Amino acid sequence: MTNHARPGQLLIHFASNRDGLRPERMNKWMDVADKEASEWRVPLNETSYPKQIEEYWRRLKDGEDIPTIIESLETLK
């Protein structure tokens, strides 16, 4: 299984539970989130979120369709 998590993410998606291991996987990430000095805590200004949000609203205002905007913004890391 490929891990696409990276520091600074606001969400971790556990898409499948076919093997029944979701609780164990979630516990692992809860432990990571609970650490005080976790490398996963990234200041907002060190993420791409402000740029993505600004670009999303600008492009939506310019009439671009939402699926196209979202697909292209996912490449901004």
PDB file of N, CA and C in Angstrom:
ATOM      1  N   MET A   1       0.849  -1.185   0.000  1.00  0.00           N
ATOM      2  CA  MET A   1       0.000   0.000   0.000  1.00  0.00           C
ATOM      3  C   MET A   1       0.887   1.238   0.000  1.00  0.00           C
ATOM      4  N   THR A   2       0.610   2.171  -0.879  1.00  0.00           N
ATOM      5  CA  THR A   2       1.387   3.385  -0.982  1.00  0.00           C
ATOM      6  C   THR A   2       0.902   4.401   0.037  1.00  0.00           C
ATOM      7  N   ASN A   3       1.838   5.083   0.679  1.00  0.00           N
ATOM      8  CA  ASN A   3       1.529   6.096   1.665  1.00  0.00           C
ATOM      9  C   ASN A   3       1.714   7.462   1.021  1.00  0.00           C
ATOM     10  N   HIS A   4       0.648   8.264   0.964  1.00  0.00           N
ATOM     11  CA  HIS A   4       0.730   9.583   0.352  1.00  0.00           C
ATOM     12  C   HIS A   4       0.685  10.695   1.392  1.00  0.00           C
ATOM     13  N   ALA A   5       0.840  10.369   2.662  1.00  0.00           N
ATOM     14  CA  ALA A   5       0.813  11.385   3.709  1.00  0.00           C
ATOM     15  C   ALA A   5       2.095  12.200   3.669  1.00  0.00           C
ATOM     16  N   ARG A   6       1.957  13.490   3.980  1.00  0.00           N
ATOM     17  CA  ARG A   6       3.126  14.353   4.050  1.00  0.00           C
ATOM     18  C   ARG A   6       2.924  15.380   5.162  1.00  0.00           C
ATOM     19  N   PRO A   7       3.996  15.863   5.763  1.00  0.00           N
ATOM     20  CA  PRO A   7       3.859  16.854   6.833  1.00  0.00           C
ATOM     21  C   PRO A   7       3.048  18.060   6.376  1.00  0.00           C
ATOM     22  N   GLY A   8       2.225  18.570   7.284  1.00  0.00           N
ATOM     23  CA  GLY A   8       1.417  19.744   7.004  1.00  0.00           C
ATOM     24  C   GLY A   8       0.036  19.451   6.461  1.00  0.00           C
ATOM     25  N   GLN A   9      -0.267  18.205   6.158  1.00  0.00           N
ATOM     26  CA  GLN A   9      -1.596  17.879   5.647  1.00  0.00           C
ATOM     27  C   GLN A   9      -2.636  18.072   6.740  1.00  0.00           C
ATOM     28  N   LEU A  10      -3.822  18.468   6.326  1.00  0.00           N
ATOM     29  CA  LEU A  10      -4.918  18.675   7.272  1.00  0.00           C
ATOM     30  C   LEU A  10      -5.790  17.442   7.422  1.00  0.00           C
ATOM     31  N   LEU A  11      -5.619  16.472   6.539  1.00  0.00           N
ATOM     32  CA  LEU A  11      -6.516  15.332   6.508  1.00  0.00           C
ATOM     33  C   LEU A  11      -5.764  14.085   6.058  1.00  0.00           C
ATOM     34  N   ILE A  12      -6.078  12.972   6.669  1.00  0.00           N
ATOM     35  CA  ILE A  12      -5.587  11.687   6.200  1.00  0.00           C
ATOM     36  C   ILE A  12      -6.822  10.844   5.898  1.00  0.00           C
ATOM     37  N   HIS A  13      -6.893  10.322   4.686  1.00  0.00           N
ATOM     38  CA  HIS A  13      -8.052   9.553   4.246  1.00  0.00           C
ATOM     39  C   HIS A  13      -7.724   8.064   4.291  1.00  0.00           C
ATOM     40  N   PHE A  14      -8.518   7.315   5.014  1.00  0.00           N
ATOM     41  CA  PHE A  14      -8.374   5.867   5.087  1.00  0.00           C
ATOM     42  C   PHE A  14      -9.428   5.265   4.171  1.00  0.00           C
ATOM     43  N   ALA A  15      -9.076   5.096   2.917  1.00  0.00           N
ATOM     44  CA  ALA A  15     -10.049   4.785   1.878  1.00  0.00           C
ATOM     45  C   ALA A  15     -10.630   3.376   1.930  1.00  0.00           C
ATOM     46  N   SER A  16      -9.908   2.425   2.393  1.00  0.00           N
ATOM     47  CA  SER A  16     -10.376   1.051   2.304  1.00  0.00           C
ATOM     48  C   SER A  16     -10.204   0.341   3.638  1.00  0.00           C
ATOM     49  N   ASN A  17     -11.043  -0.600   3.893  1.00  0.00           N
ATOM     50  CA  ASN A  17     -10.920  -1.415   5.099  1.00  0.00           C
ATOM     51  C   ASN A  17     -11.089  -2.882   4.749  1.00  0.00           C
ATOM     52  N   ARG A  18     -10.728  -3.242   3.532  1.00  0.00           N
ATOM     53  CA  ARG A  18     -10.917  -4.629   3.086  1.00  0.00           C
ATOM     54  C   ARG A  18     -10.149  -5.639   3.928  1.00  0.00           C
ATOM     55  N   ASP A  19      -9.020  -5.235   4.466  1.00  0.00           N
ATOM     56  CA  ASP A  19      -8.223  -6.169   5.259  1.00  0.00           C
ATOM     57  C   ASP A  19      -8.528  -6.075   6.752  1.00  0.00           C
ATOM     58  N   GLY A  20      -9.438  -5.169   7.146  1.00  0.00           N
ATOM     59  CA  GLY A  20      -9.827  -5.045   8.545  1.00  0.00           C
ATOM     60  C   GLY A  20      -8.815  -4.344   9.425  1.00  0.00           C
ATOM     61  N   LEU A  21      -7.809  -3.693   8.839  1.00  0.00           N
ATOM     62  CA  LEU A  21      -6.746  -3.078   9.629  1.00  0.00           C
ATOM     63  C   LEU A  21      -6.906  -1.571   9.825  1.00  0.00           C
ATOM     64  N   ARG A  22      -8.052  -1.020   9.453  1.00  0.00           N
ATOM     65  CA  ARG A  22      -8.244   0.426   9.592  1.00  0.00           C
ATOM     66  C   ARG A  22      -8.003   0.914  11.029  1.00  0.00           C
ATOM     67  N   PRO A  23      -8.551   0.257  12.058  1.00  0.00           N
ATOM     68  CA  PRO A  23      -8.312   0.761  13.423  1.00  0.00           C
ATOM     69  C   PRO A  23      -6.823   0.848  13.769  1.00  0.00           C
ATOM     70  N   GLU A  24      -6.051  -0.144  13.379  1.00  0.00           N
ATOM     71  CA  GLU A  24      -4.615  -0.118  13.660  1.00  0.00           C
ATOM     72  C   GLU A  24      -3.935   1.023  12.908  1.00  0.00           C
ATOM     73  N   ARG A  25      -4.327   1.229  11.650  1.00  0.00           N
ATOM     74  CA  ARG A  25      -3.744   2.330  10.871  1.00  0.00           C
ATOM     75  C   ARG A  25      -4.110   3.682  11.485  1.00  0.00           C
ATOM     76  N   MET A  26      -5.355   3.818  11.888  1.00  0.00           N
ATOM     77  CA  MET A  26      -5.792   5.081  12.471  1.00  0.00           C
ATOM     78  C   MET A  26      -5.070   5.335  13.798  1.00  0.00           C
ATOM     79  N   ASN A  27      -4.867   4.308  14.596  1.00  0.00           N
ATOM     80  CA  ASN A  27      -4.147   4.472  15.859  1.00  0.00           C
ATOM     81  C   ASN A  27      -2.724   4.953  15.621  1.00  0.00           C
ATOM     82  N   LYS A  28      -2.081   4.432  14.578  1.00  0.00           N
ATOM     83  CA  LYS A  28      -0.723   4.859  14.250  1.00  0.00           C
ATOM     84  C   LYS A  28      -0.699   6.371  14.001  1.00  0.00           C
ATOM     85  N   TRP A  29      -1.655   6.870  13.209  1.00  0.00           N
ATOM     86  CA  TRP A  29      -1.675   8.295  12.872  1.00  0.00           C
ATOM     87  C   TRP A  29      -2.146   9.153  14.036  1.00  0.00           C
ATOM     88  N   MET A  30      -2.975   8.621  14.905  1.00  0.00           N
ATOM     89  CA  MET A  30      -3.354   9.364  16.117  1.00  0.00           C
ATOM     90  C   MET A  30      -2.132   9.554  17.006  1.00  0.00           C
ATOM     91  N   ASP A  31      -1.279   8.534  17.091  1.00  0.00           N
ATOM     92  CA  ASP A  31      -0.036   8.662  17.855  1.00  0.00           C
ATOM     93  C   ASP A  31       0.853   9.752  17.266  1.00  0.00           C
ATOM     94  N   VAL A  32       0.955   9.791  15.948  1.00  0.00           N
ATOM     95  CA  VAL A  32       1.745  10.826  15.275  1.00  0.00           C
ATOM     96  C   VAL A  32       1.171  12.202  15.595  1.00  0.00           C
ATOM     97  N   ALA A  33      -0.148  12.354  15.502  1.00  0.00           N
ATOM     98  CA  ALA A  33      -0.799  13.645  15.735  1.00  0.00           C
ATOM     99  C   ALA A  33      -0.659  14.106  17.181  1.00  0.00           C
ATOM    100  N   ASP A  34      -0.565  13.171  18.115  1.00  0.00           N
ATOM    101  CA  ASP A  34      -0.483  13.512  19.535  1.00  0.00           C
ATOM    102  C   ASP A  34       0.900  13.973  19.983  1.00  0.00           C
ATOM    103  N   LYS A  35       1.920  13.717  19.199  1.00  0.00           N
ATOM    104  CA  LYS A  35       3.271  14.103  19.598  1.00  0.00           C
ATOM    105  C   LYS A  35       3.386  15.625  19.670  1.00  0.00           C
ATOM    106  N   GLU A  36       3.952  16.133  20.744  1.00  0.00           N
ATOM    107  CA  GLU A  36       4.078  17.581  20.939  1.00  0.00           C
ATOM    108  C   GLU A  36       4.960  18.242  19.884  1.00  0.00           C
ATOM    109  N   ALA A  37       6.122  17.673  19.616  1.00  0.00           N
ATOM    110  CA  ALA A  37       7.073  18.280  18.676  1.00  0.00           C
ATOM    111  C   ALA A  37       7.039  17.545  17.336  1.00  0.00           C
ATOM    112  N   SER A  38       5.874  17.163  16.923  1.00  0.00           N
ATOM    113  CA  SER A  38       5.747  16.357  15.720  1.00  0.00           C
ATOM    114  C   SER A  38       6.214  17.098  14.481  1.00  0.00           C
ATOM    115  N   GLU A  39       6.993  16.425  13.658  1.00  0.00           N
ATOM    116  CA  GLU A  39       7.426  16.987  12.374  1.00  0.00           C
ATOM    117  C   GLU A  39       6.237  17.220  11.453  1.00  0.00           C
ATOM    118  N   TRP A  40       5.088  16.651  11.824  1.00  0.00           N
ATOM    119  CA  TRP A  40       3.898  16.777  10.986  1.00  0.00           C
ATOM    120  C   TRP A  40       3.196  18.112  11.184  1.00  0.00           C
ATOM    121  N   ARG A  41       3.550  18.836  12.211  1.00  0.00           N
ATOM    122  CA  ARG A  41       2.964  20.157  12.449  1.00  0.00           C
ATOM    123  C   ARG A  41       3.803  21.184  11.696  1.00  0.00           C
ATOM    124  N   VAL A  42       3.209  21.760  10.704  1.00  0.00           N
ATOM    125  CA  VAL A  42       3.907  22.707   9.847  1.00  0.00           C
ATOM    126  C   VAL A  42       3.180  24.047   9.918  1.00  0.00           C
ATOM    127  N   PRO A  43       3.908  25.149  10.145  1.00  0.00           N
ATOM    128  CA  PRO A  43       3.254  26.456  10.160  1.00  0.00           C
ATOM    129  C   PRO A  43       2.555  26.719   8.819  1.00  0.00           C
ATOM    130  N   LEU A  44       1.404  27.364   8.883  1.00  0.00           N
ATOM    131  CA  LEU A  44       0.601  27.612   7.688  1.00  0.00           C
ATOM    132  C   LEU A  44       1.407  28.276   6.583  1.00  0.00           C
ATOM    133  N   ASN A  45       2.245  29.239   6.938  1.00  0.00           N
ATOM    134  CA  ASN A  45       3.013  29.948   5.912  1.00  0.00           C
ATOM    135  C   ASN A  45       4.079  29.074   5.254  1.00  0.00           C
ATOM    136  N   GLU A  46       4.287  27.868   5.757  1.00  0.00           N
ATOM    137  CA  GLU A  46       5.232  26.933   5.147  1.00  0.00           C
ATOM    138  C   GLU A  46       4.516  25.849   4.336  1.00  0.00           C
ATOM    139  N   THR A  47       3.222  26.030   4.146  1.00  0.00           N
ATOM    140  CA  THR A  47       2.445  25.090   3.342  1.00  0.00           C
ATOM    141  C   THR A  47       2.007  25.776   2.051  1.00  0.00           C
ATOM    142  N   SER A  48       1.399  25.002   1.174  1.00  0.00           N
ATOM    143  CA  SER A  48       0.863  25.576  -0.063  1.00  0.00           C
ATOM    144  C   SER A  48      -0.606  25.963   0.078  1.00  0.00           C
ATOM    145  N   TYR A  49      -1.191  25.794   1.271  1.00  0.00           N
ATOM    146  CA  TYR A  49      -2.617  26.055   1.437  1.00  0.00           C
ATOM    147  C   TYR A  49      -3.023  27.499   1.111  1.00  0.00           C
ATOM    148  N   PRO A  50      -2.335  28.534   1.618  1.00  0.00           N
ATOM    149  CA  PRO A  50      -2.769  29.902   1.265  1.00  0.00           C
ATOM    150  C   PRO A  50      -2.759  30.137  -0.250  1.00  0.00           C
ATOM    151  N   LYS A  51      -1.725  29.667  -0.925  1.00  0.00           N
ATOM    152  CA  LYS A  51      -1.635  29.841  -2.377  1.00  0.00           C
ATOM    153  C   LYS A  51      -2.756  29.071  -3.085  1.00  0.00           C
ATOM    154  N   GLN A  52      -3.021  27.843  -2.646  1.00  0.00           N
ATOM    155  CA  GLN A  52      -4.074  27.038  -3.260  1.00  0.00           C
ATOM    156  C   GLN A  52      -5.441  27.687  -3.075  1.00  0.00           C
ATOM    157  N   ILE A  53      -5.709  28.193  -1.886  1.00  0.00           N
ATOM    158  CA  ILE A  53      -7.007  28.823  -1.606  1.00  0.00           C
ATOM    159  C   ILE A  53      -7.188  30.069  -2.463  1.00  0.00           C
ATOM    160  N   GLU A  54      -6.162  30.903  -2.500  1.00  0.00           N
ATOM    161  CA  GLU A  54      -6.235  32.122  -3.303  1.00  0.00           C
ATOM    162  C   GLU A  54      -6.459  31.804  -4.784  1.00  0.00           C
ATOM    163  N   GLU A  55      -5.707  30.836  -5.287  1.00  0.00           N
ATOM    164  CA  GLU A  55      -5.843  30.463  -6.694  1.00  0.00           C
ATOM    165  C   GLU A  55      -7.209  29.837  -6.987  1.00  0.00           C
ATOM    166  N   TYR A  56      -7.703  29.012  -6.082  1.00  0.00           N
ATOM    167  CA  TYR A  56      -9.018  28.395  -6.256  1.00  0.00           C
ATOM    168  C   TYR A  56     -10.089  29.474  -6.458  1.00  0.00           C
ATOM    169  N   TRP A  57     -10.151  30.430  -5.534  1.00  0.00           N
ATOM    170  CA  TRP A  57     -11.200  31.449  -5.612  1.00  0.00           C
ATOM    171  C   TRP A  57     -11.021  32.369  -6.821  1.00  0.00           C
ATOM    172  N   ARG A  58      -9.793  32.692  -7.195  1.00  0.00           N
ATOM    173  CA  ARG A  58      -9.544  33.528  -8.364  1.00  0.00           C
ATOM    174  C   ARG A  58     -10.050  32.833  -9.622  1.00  0.00           C
ATOM    175  N   ARG A  59      -9.699  31.554  -9.757  1.00  0.00           N
ATOM    176  CA  ARG A  59     -10.087  30.809 -10.953  1.00  0.00           C
ATOM    177  C   ARG A  59     -11.587  30.560 -11.004  1.00  0.00           C
ATOM    178  N   LEU A  60     -12.198  30.311  -9.850  1.00  0.00           N
ATOM    179  CA  LEU A  60     -13.647  30.132  -9.807  1.00  0.00           C
ATOM    180  C   LEU A  60     -14.350  31.428 -10.228  1.00  0.00           C
ATOM    181  N   LYS A  61     -13.858  32.557  -9.736  1.00  0.00           N
ATOM    182  CA  LYS A  61     -14.420  33.857 -10.111  1.00  0.00           C
ATOM    183  C   LYS A  61     -14.287  34.099 -11.612  1.00  0.00           C
ATOM    184  N   ASP A  62     -13.184  33.602 -12.198  1.00  0.00           N
ATOM    185  CA  ASP A  62     -12.955  33.761 -13.637  1.00  0.00           C
ATOM    186  C   ASP A  62     -13.785  32.786 -14.481  1.00  0.00           C
ATOM    187  N   GLY A  63     -14.586  31.932 -13.822  1.00  0.00           N
ATOM    188  CA  GLY A  63     -15.503  31.059 -14.540  1.00  0.00           C
ATOM    189  C   GLY A  63     -14.990  29.664 -14.836  1.00  0.00           C
ATOM    190  N   GLU A  64     -13.851  29.307 -14.298  1.00  0.00           N
ATOM    191  CA  GLU A  64     -13.322  27.959 -14.539  1.00  0.00           C
ATOM    192  C   GLU A  64     -14.141  26.949 -13.743  1.00  0.00           C
ATOM    193  N   ASP A  65     -14.268  25.734 -14.267  1.00  0.00           N
ATOM    194  CA  ASP A  65     -15.085  24.738 -13.569  1.00  0.00           C
ATOM    195  C   ASP A  65     -14.310  24.117 -12.407  1.00  0.00           C
ATOM    196  N   ILE A  66     -15.041  23.769 -11.359  1.00  0.00           N
ATOM    197  CA  ILE A  66     -14.448  23.287 -10.105  1.00  0.00           C
ATOM    198  C   ILE A  66     -13.589  22.037 -10.289  1.00  0.00           C
ATOM    199  N   PRO A  67     -14.050  20.980 -10.995  1.00  0.00           N
ATOM    200  CA  PRO A  67     -13.189  19.787 -11.134  1.00  0.00           C
ATOM    201  C   PRO A  67     -11.823  20.099 -11.763  1.00  0.00           C
ATOM    202  N   THR A  68     -11.800  20.976 -12.753  1.00  0.00           N
ATOM    203  CA  THR A  68     -10.537  21.339 -13.394  1.00  0.00           C
ATOM    204  C   THR A  68      -9.623  22.077 -12.426  1.00  0.00           C
ATOM    205  N   ILE A  69     -10.193  22.990 -11.665  1.00  0.00           N
ATOM    206  CA  ILE A  69      -9.408  23.748 -10.680  1.00  0.00           C
ATOM    207  C   ILE A  69      -8.803  22.794  -9.659  1.00  0.00           C
ATOM    208  N   ILE A  70      -9.630  21.948  -9.094  1.00  0.00           N
ATOM    209  CA  ILE A  70      -9.166  21.034  -8.043  1.00  0.00           C
ATOM    210  C   ILE A  70      -8.081  20.110  -8.565  1.00  0.00           C
ATOM    211  N   GLU A  71      -8.282  19.559  -9.738  1.00  0.00           N
ATOM    212  CA  GLU A  71      -7.276  18.648 -10.310  1.00  0.00           C
ATOM    213  C   GLU A  71      -5.930  19.342 -10.451  1.00  0.00           C
ATOM    214  N   SER A  72      -5.922  20.567 -10.934  1.00  0.00           N
ATOM    215  CA  SER A  72      -4.647  21.265 -11.135  1.00  0.00           C
ATOM    216  C   SER A  72      -4.043  21.723  -9.815  1.00  0.00           C
ATOM    217  N   LEU A  73      -4.859  22.071  -8.835  1.00  0.00           N
ATOM    218  CA  LEU A  73      -4.329  22.511  -7.545  1.00  0.00           C
ATOM    219  C   LEU A  73      -3.684  21.375  -6.771  1.00  0.00           C
ATOM    220  N   GLU A  74      -4.088  20.155  -7.039  1.00  0.00           N
ATOM    221  CA  GLU A  74      -3.500  19.017  -6.333  1.00  0.00           C
ATOM    222  C   GLU A  74      -2.021  18.856  -6.666  1.00  0.00           C
ATOM    223  N   THR A  75      -1.568  19.464  -7.742  1.00  0.00           N
ATOM    224  CA  THR A  75      -0.157  19.378  -8.096  1.00  0.00           C
ATOM    225  C   THR A  75       0.684  20.408  -7.358  1.00  0.00           C
ATOM    226  N   LEU A  76       0.046  21.403  -6.727  1.00  0.00           N
ATOM    227  CA  LEU A  76       0.775  22.412  -5.957  1.00  0.00           C
ATOM    228  C   LEU A  76       1.084  21.857  -4.583  1.00  0.00           C
ATOM    229  N   LYS A  77       2.301  21.559  -4.337  1.00  0.00           N
ATOM    230  CA  LYS A  77       2.688  21.002  -3.042  1.00  0.00           C
ATOM    231  C   LYS A  77       3.624  21.950  -2.339  1.00  0.00           C
TER     232      LYS A  77
END
